Structure formats: structure tokens, C-alpha cells
Protein backbone atom coordinates (compact mmCIF):
# COMPACT_ATOMS: atom_id res chain seq x y z
CA UNK A 1 -46.94 -51.29 43.72
CA UNK A 2 -44.11 -52.05 41.28
CA UNK A 3 -45.67 -49.81 38.62
CA UNK A 4 -46.00 -46.92 41.11
CA UNK A 5 -42.36 -47.29 42.10
CA UNK A 6 -41.23 -47.19 38.45
CA UNK A 7 -43.31 -44.07 37.81
CA UNK A 8 -41.84 -42.33 40.85
CA UNK A 9 -38.32 -43.22 39.69
CA UNK A 10 -38.91 -41.74 36.25
CA UNK A 11 -40.21 -38.52 37.79
CA UNK A 12 -37.15 -38.30 40.01
CA UNK A 13 -34.76 -38.75 37.07
CA UNK A 14 -36.52 -36.13 34.96
CA UNK A 15 -36.61 -33.67 37.85
CA UNK A 16 -32.91 -34.21 38.48
CA UNK A 17 -32.07 -33.60 34.81
CA UNK A 18 -34.12 -30.43 34.79
CA UNK A 19 -32.37 -29.12 37.90
CA UNK A 20 -28.96 -29.93 36.38
CA UNK A 21 -29.78 -28.07 33.18
CA UNK A 22 -31.06 -25.11 35.17
CA UNK A 23 -27.92 -24.99 37.28
CA UNK A 24 -25.58 -25.04 34.26
CA UNK A 25 -24.40 -21.82 32.68
CA UNK A 26 -25.86 -21.12 29.20
CA UNK A 27 -22.56 -21.89 27.48
CA UNK A 28 -22.29 -25.23 29.29
CA UNK A 29 -25.73 -26.56 28.45
CA UNK A 30 -25.91 -29.33 25.87
CA UNK A 31 -27.43 -28.54 22.46
CA UNK A 32 -31.17 -29.02 22.11
CA UNK A 33 -32.40 -32.35 20.69
CA UNK A 34 -32.49 -32.56 16.92
CA UNK A 35 -29.33 -30.60 16.23
CA UNK A 36 -27.71 -27.34 17.13
CA UNK A 37 -24.23 -28.62 17.88
CA UNK A 38 -21.35 -26.58 19.21
CA UNK A 39 -21.16 -23.02 18.02
CA UNK A 40 -18.20 -21.81 16.00
CA UNK A 41 -16.45 -18.54 16.52
CA UNK A 42 -16.98 -15.70 14.11
CA UNK A 43 -14.26 -15.64 11.45
CA UNK A 44 -11.57 -13.05 12.01
CA UNK A 45 -9.07 -11.55 9.59
CA UNK A 46 -6.53 -13.90 11.14
CA UNK A 47 -8.54 -16.77 9.61
CA UNK A 48 -8.04 -15.41 6.10
CA UNK A 49 -5.13 -15.88 3.72
CA UNK A 50 -3.77 -13.48 1.12
CA UNK A 51 -4.43 -14.26 -2.53
CA UNK A 52 -2.09 -12.70 -5.11
CA UNK A 53 -2.85 -12.85 -8.84
CA UNK A 54 -1.07 -11.43 -11.88
CA UNK A 55 -2.36 -11.73 -15.44
CA UNK A 56 -1.19 -10.63 -18.85
CA UNK A 57 -3.61 -9.03 -19.38
CA UNK A 58 -6.85 -9.71 -17.45
CA UNK A 59 -8.59 -12.35 -15.33
CA UNK A 60 -11.58 -13.17 -13.16
CA UNK A 61 -11.39 -15.66 -10.29
CA UNK A 62 -14.03 -17.93 -8.74
CA UNK A 63 -13.64 -20.04 -5.61
CA UNK A 64 -16.16 -22.78 -4.92
CA UNK A 65 -18.54 -21.27 -7.46
CA UNK A 66 -18.45 -17.72 -6.07
CA UNK A 67 -16.87 -14.71 -7.79
CA UNK A 68 -13.94 -13.59 -5.63
CA UNK A 69 -11.80 -11.23 -7.71
CA UNK A 70 -11.82 -9.39 -11.04
CA UNK A 71 -8.80 -7.67 -12.54
CA UNK A 72 -9.46 -3.94 -12.35
CA UNK A 73 -7.33 -3.09 -15.41
CA UNK A 74 -8.31 -4.63 -18.74
CA UNK A 75 -5.05 -3.96 -20.59
CA UNK A 76 -2.12 -1.96 -19.23
CA UNK A 77 -0.40 -1.10 -16.97
CA UNK A 78 0.09 -4.62 -15.70
CA UNK A 79 -1.01 -4.95 -12.09
CA UNK A 80 -1.27 -7.40 -9.22
CA UNK A 81 -4.63 -8.09 -7.63
CA UNK A 82 -4.32 -8.97 -3.96
CA UNK A 83 -7.35 -9.92 -1.85
CA UNK A 84 -8.08 -11.69 1.43
CA UNK A 85 -9.95 -14.98 1.16
CA UNK A 86 -11.48 -17.33 3.73
CA UNK A 87 -10.38 -20.76 2.49
CA UNK A 88 -12.62 -23.83 2.66
CA UNK A 89 -11.55 -27.29 1.52
CA UNK A 90 -11.96 -28.91 -0.85
CA UNK A 91 -11.50 -25.64 -2.74
CA UNK A 92 -12.42 -25.45 -6.43
CA UNK A 93 -10.62 -22.61 -8.19
CA UNK A 94 -11.80 -21.45 -11.62
CA UNK A 95 -10.19 -18.67 -13.64
CA UNK A 96 -10.98 -16.96 -16.92
CA UNK A 97 -7.89 -15.24 -18.30
CA UNK A 98 -7.54 -13.11 -21.42
CA UNK A 99 -4.78 -11.57 -23.44
CA UNK A 100 -5.85 -8.14 -24.67
CA UNK A 101 -6.50 -9.23 -28.25
CA UNK A 102 -8.90 -7.80 -30.80
CA UNK A 103 -11.81 -10.28 -30.87
CA UNK A 104 -11.85 -10.25 -34.70
CA UNK A 105 -8.14 -10.36 -35.47
CA UNK A 106 -6.47 -11.78 -32.36
CA UNK A 107 -3.94 -8.93 -32.47
CA UNK A 108 -3.27 -5.92 -30.27
CA UNK A 109 -1.92 -2.36 -30.45
CA UNK A 110 -4.21 -1.38 -33.31
CA UNK A 111 -3.70 -4.75 -35.04
CA UNK A 112 0.04 -4.27 -35.40
CA UNK A 113 1.27 -6.94 -33.00
CA UNK A 114 0.70 -10.53 -31.85
CA UNK A 115 0.63 -10.35 -28.07
CA UNK A 116 1.64 -12.83 -25.41
CA UNK A 117 -0.08 -13.86 -22.21
CA UNK A 118 0.35 -15.58 -18.85
CA UNK A 119 -1.30 -16.07 -15.48
CA UNK A 120 0.13 -16.74 -12.02
CA UNK A 121 -1.49 -17.16 -8.61
CA UNK A 122 -0.40 -17.78 -5.05
CA UNK A 123 -2.53 -18.09 -1.91
CA UNK A 124 -1.21 -17.72 1.60
CA UNK A 125 -2.06 -21.35 2.37
CA UNK A 126 0.49 -22.51 -0.21
CA UNK A 127 -1.85 -22.92 -3.19
CA UNK A 128 0.04 -22.07 -6.40
CA UNK A 129 -0.38 -22.30 -10.15
CA UNK A 130 1.54 -25.04 -11.96
CA UNK A 131 1.13 -27.75 -14.59
CA UNK A 132 -1.30 -29.71 -12.39
CA UNK A 133 -4.04 -27.20 -13.24
CA UNK A 134 -6.58 -27.94 -15.98
CA UNK A 135 -6.67 -25.53 -18.94
CA UNK A 136 -8.54 -25.06 -22.20
CA UNK A 137 -8.50 -22.35 -24.90
CA UNK A 138 -11.73 -20.76 -26.11
CA UNK A 139 -10.49 -18.04 -28.47
CA UNK A 140 -7.29 -18.08 -30.51
CA UNK A 141 -5.67 -16.26 -33.41
CA UNK A 142 -4.53 -14.90 -35.71
CA UNK A 143 -4.85 -18.33 -37.27
CA UNK A 144 -1.55 -19.56 -38.77
CA UNK A 145 0.01 -16.28 -37.60
CA UNK A 146 -1.38 -14.62 -40.71
CA UNK A 147 -1.15 -10.92 -39.85
CA UNK A 148 -2.09 -9.75 -43.35
CA UNK A 149 -5.52 -11.41 -43.22
CA UNK A 150 -5.93 -12.09 -39.49
CA UNK A 151 -8.86 -14.12 -38.21
CA UNK A 152 -9.74 -15.95 -35.03
CA UNK A 153 -11.57 -19.08 -34.01
CA UNK A 154 -13.83 -19.29 -30.97
CA UNK A 155 -15.56 -21.88 -28.86
CA UNK A 156 -18.61 -20.97 -26.76
CA UNK A 157 -17.80 -20.51 -23.08
CA UNK A 158 -19.58 -23.37 -21.30
CA UNK A 159 -22.33 -22.59 -18.84
CA UNK A 160 -21.30 -22.84 -15.20
CA UNK A 161 -17.63 -23.33 -16.11
CA UNK A 162 -16.80 -22.00 -12.64
CA UNK A 163 -19.11 -24.35 -10.71
CA UNK A 164 -17.78 -26.91 -8.27
CA UNK A 165 -19.44 -29.80 -10.10
CA UNK A 166 -18.45 -28.75 -13.64
CA UNK A 167 -16.94 -31.61 -15.66
CA UNK A 168 -13.45 -30.64 -16.86
CA UNK A 169 -12.26 -34.22 -17.35
CA UNK A 170 -11.74 -33.67 -21.10
CA UNK A 171 -9.53 -30.62 -20.59
CA UNK A 172 -5.78 -30.75 -20.95
CA UNK A 173 -3.16 -29.70 -18.46
CA UNK A 174 -1.84 -26.17 -18.17
CA UNK A 175 1.62 -25.48 -19.54
CA UNK A 176 4.23 -23.76 -17.39
CA UNK A 177 6.18 -20.77 -18.68
CA UNK A 178 9.23 -19.00 -17.31
CA UNK A 179 9.41 -15.37 -16.19
CA UNK A 180 11.60 -14.72 -19.22
CA UNK A 181 8.88 -16.00 -21.55
CA UNK A 182 6.11 -13.96 -19.93
CA UNK A 183 8.06 -10.84 -19.05
CA UNK A 184 6.11 -9.65 -15.98
CA UNK A 185 6.28 -5.98 -15.09
CA UNK A 186 7.42 -4.38 -11.83
CA UNK A 187 4.29 -4.91 -9.66
CA UNK A 188 4.85 -8.67 -9.96
CA UNK A 189 8.19 -8.46 -8.16
CA UNK A 190 6.66 -6.53 -5.25
CA UNK A 191 4.43 -9.44 -4.19
CA UNK A 192 4.90 -13.01 -2.99
CA UNK A 193 4.73 -15.51 -5.85
CA UNK A 194 7.45 -17.84 -4.56
CA UNK A 195 6.80 -21.41 -5.69
CA UNK A 196 4.13 -20.44 -8.22
CA UNK A 197 4.54 -20.88 -11.99
CA UNK A 198 3.22 -18.83 -14.87
CA UNK A 199 0.69 -20.96 -16.76
CA UNK A 200 -1.28 -20.81 -19.99
CA UNK A 201 -2.41 -23.22 -22.68
CA UNK A 202 -0.02 -24.62 -25.30
CA UNK A 203 0.42 -21.39 -27.27
CA UNK A 204 1.11 -18.35 -25.12
CA UNK A 205 0.96 -16.03 -28.14
CA UNK A 206 -2.05 -17.21 -30.13
CA UNK A 207 -4.40 -18.50 -27.41
CA UNK A 208 -6.19 -15.37 -26.27
CA UNK A 209 -9.01 -16.54 -23.96
CA UNK A 210 -8.46 -19.52 -21.69
CA UNK A 211 -10.15 -21.13 -18.70
CA UNK A 212 -8.30 -22.75 -15.81
CA UNK A 213 -9.62 -25.05 -13.10
CA UNK A 214 -8.00 -26.65 -10.08
CA UNK A 215 -9.18 -28.44 -6.94
CA UNK A 216 -7.27 -28.06 -3.68
CA UNK A 217 -8.31 -31.05 -1.56
CA UNK A 218 -6.74 -29.85 1.69
CA UNK A 219 -4.60 -26.97 2.87
CA UNK A 220 -1.15 -27.27 1.24
CA UNK A 221 0.55 -25.86 4.34
CA UNK A 222 -1.03 -28.53 6.55
CA UNK A 223 -2.68 -25.99 8.84
CA UNK A 224 -6.03 -26.97 10.31
CA UNK A 225 -8.64 -24.33 9.54
CA UNK A 226 -12.25 -23.91 10.63
CA UNK A 227 -14.78 -24.72 7.90
CA UNK A 228 -16.89 -21.60 7.48
CA UNK A 229 -18.70 -22.74 4.33
CA UNK A 230 -22.00 -23.08 6.21
CA UNK A 231 -21.68 -19.80 8.08
CA UNK A 232 -25.01 -18.44 6.83
CA UNK A 233 -26.87 -21.30 8.51
CA UNK A 234 -25.38 -21.13 12.01
CA UNK A 235 -25.25 -18.59 14.82
CA UNK A 236 -21.57 -18.13 15.62
CA UNK A 237 -20.24 -17.08 18.99
CA UNK A 238 -19.29 -13.43 19.07
CA UNK A 239 -15.64 -12.54 19.62
CA UNK A 240 -14.83 -11.21 23.10
CA UNK A 241 -15.59 -7.52 23.42
CA UNK A 242 -12.83 -5.18 24.38
CA UNK A 243 -13.15 -3.58 27.76
CA UNK A 244 -13.85 0.13 27.63
């Protein structure tokens, strides 16, 4: 008798749960067992931040191991690259920057001049370039500033230098330079770089190819943002459709 009563009670509970689930609207139903979780909204342009970059002369930018931006002009005129990014933290930023130097002599303008360099970046979340970034040179010259017999020295670019897990612990810190030292051209002044510093390695004239790395642990502006890093593996809610 006791066993029959227990069985009937279990049936009643299960039936009640089934009726409750049926009565709920689809958006109110709990996720299925084994995962699912709450859906996230599709990212909108309002979730992005503007990324401004200026290089003397060229750069390529990776964020969390993915190629995000490449300077469209190899040499001159100097330009600003501005793109929209969807930030995710922690955010690993990796940059290859180059002065337009002859790979054999380290000089420019038909081997008549030793050039200078510089790189600056600002994201709309407050991320900026400064001396806290890691930096290392990989091509430099002309050695000893010898312009009569110019030569360069090179190090091989390491594999996966842009990857999140790359070990840059042996790299030095970037060096900050003033606007007067770099001499940016007009497009620079038409964009927001407030708070950012021009950076390079120790020799802004002789170091021609450098790599930078920096990790942003959380949003510098303190704003809470949705983590969309796993967007390919979830089904986001669609934004509300406009009424016709």
C-alpha cells in the first residue's frame, strides 16, 4: 500500500511539472538539462568600440590571436586606420610595426636617409599605447649608423608571436616618444588619440621592424560588456524587428 502511494505521488509530481512547462511561454521555460543556459542578444554596433591606429610607416594588428587590421599604405602618405572592434577581456593585443626601410641597408628614400618610426593606438574602451607594453626589435640598421657601407641585422620572427599564449616574458618594455620626436602628419590630429603615447623600441631611428604585445585584463573604462568570444557556439536571441 505504501509503495503504491509513493508511485502515485511521483506520477502526480511529474504530471504537474509537465503541465507547468507546457503552460509557460517558450522564452520563460528553463534550459534543457545538460546545458543551454540563458541566450545572449546578438551583438550590435553599439557593443563595439572604435580602434584608431597610426604608424610610421606600417603595422598589422591582432586581437586575441585574430587578425583585425592591416595598414593599407606601406609607406606614404601617413594615414590613420580606424576600425570597429568587439572587445573581449582579457584582451591580448599583438602588433607588428615597420619603418619603411630597405631590408638590406636599413635606409629609405633610395638609400639616402635614415628614417624614424613610431606607433600609437587608442581604443574606445580606454586602451592606449604606453610604456607598459612589451616590445622587441627584429630588424635594425644601418649598423653603427654607417651609411657608406650600410648593413642590417635580423632575428627570425617567432612563430605564433600574435597568439594569446605566446611567451613574451623575456621581452623588454616599449619606450615612449613625444609627438615632436615622431612628427605625425595631419591625419593623426583628426582622430582621437588622447591619453595614448607613441611607442617603439629603444632606437626609433635604427630599429626598423618591431613587435609589440599587451594584455588588457578588463575594460579600462570600467564598463561592463557582454562576452561574445563564444558567439559561434551559441544561438543568440535576435534583436527586435522593426514594425513595418
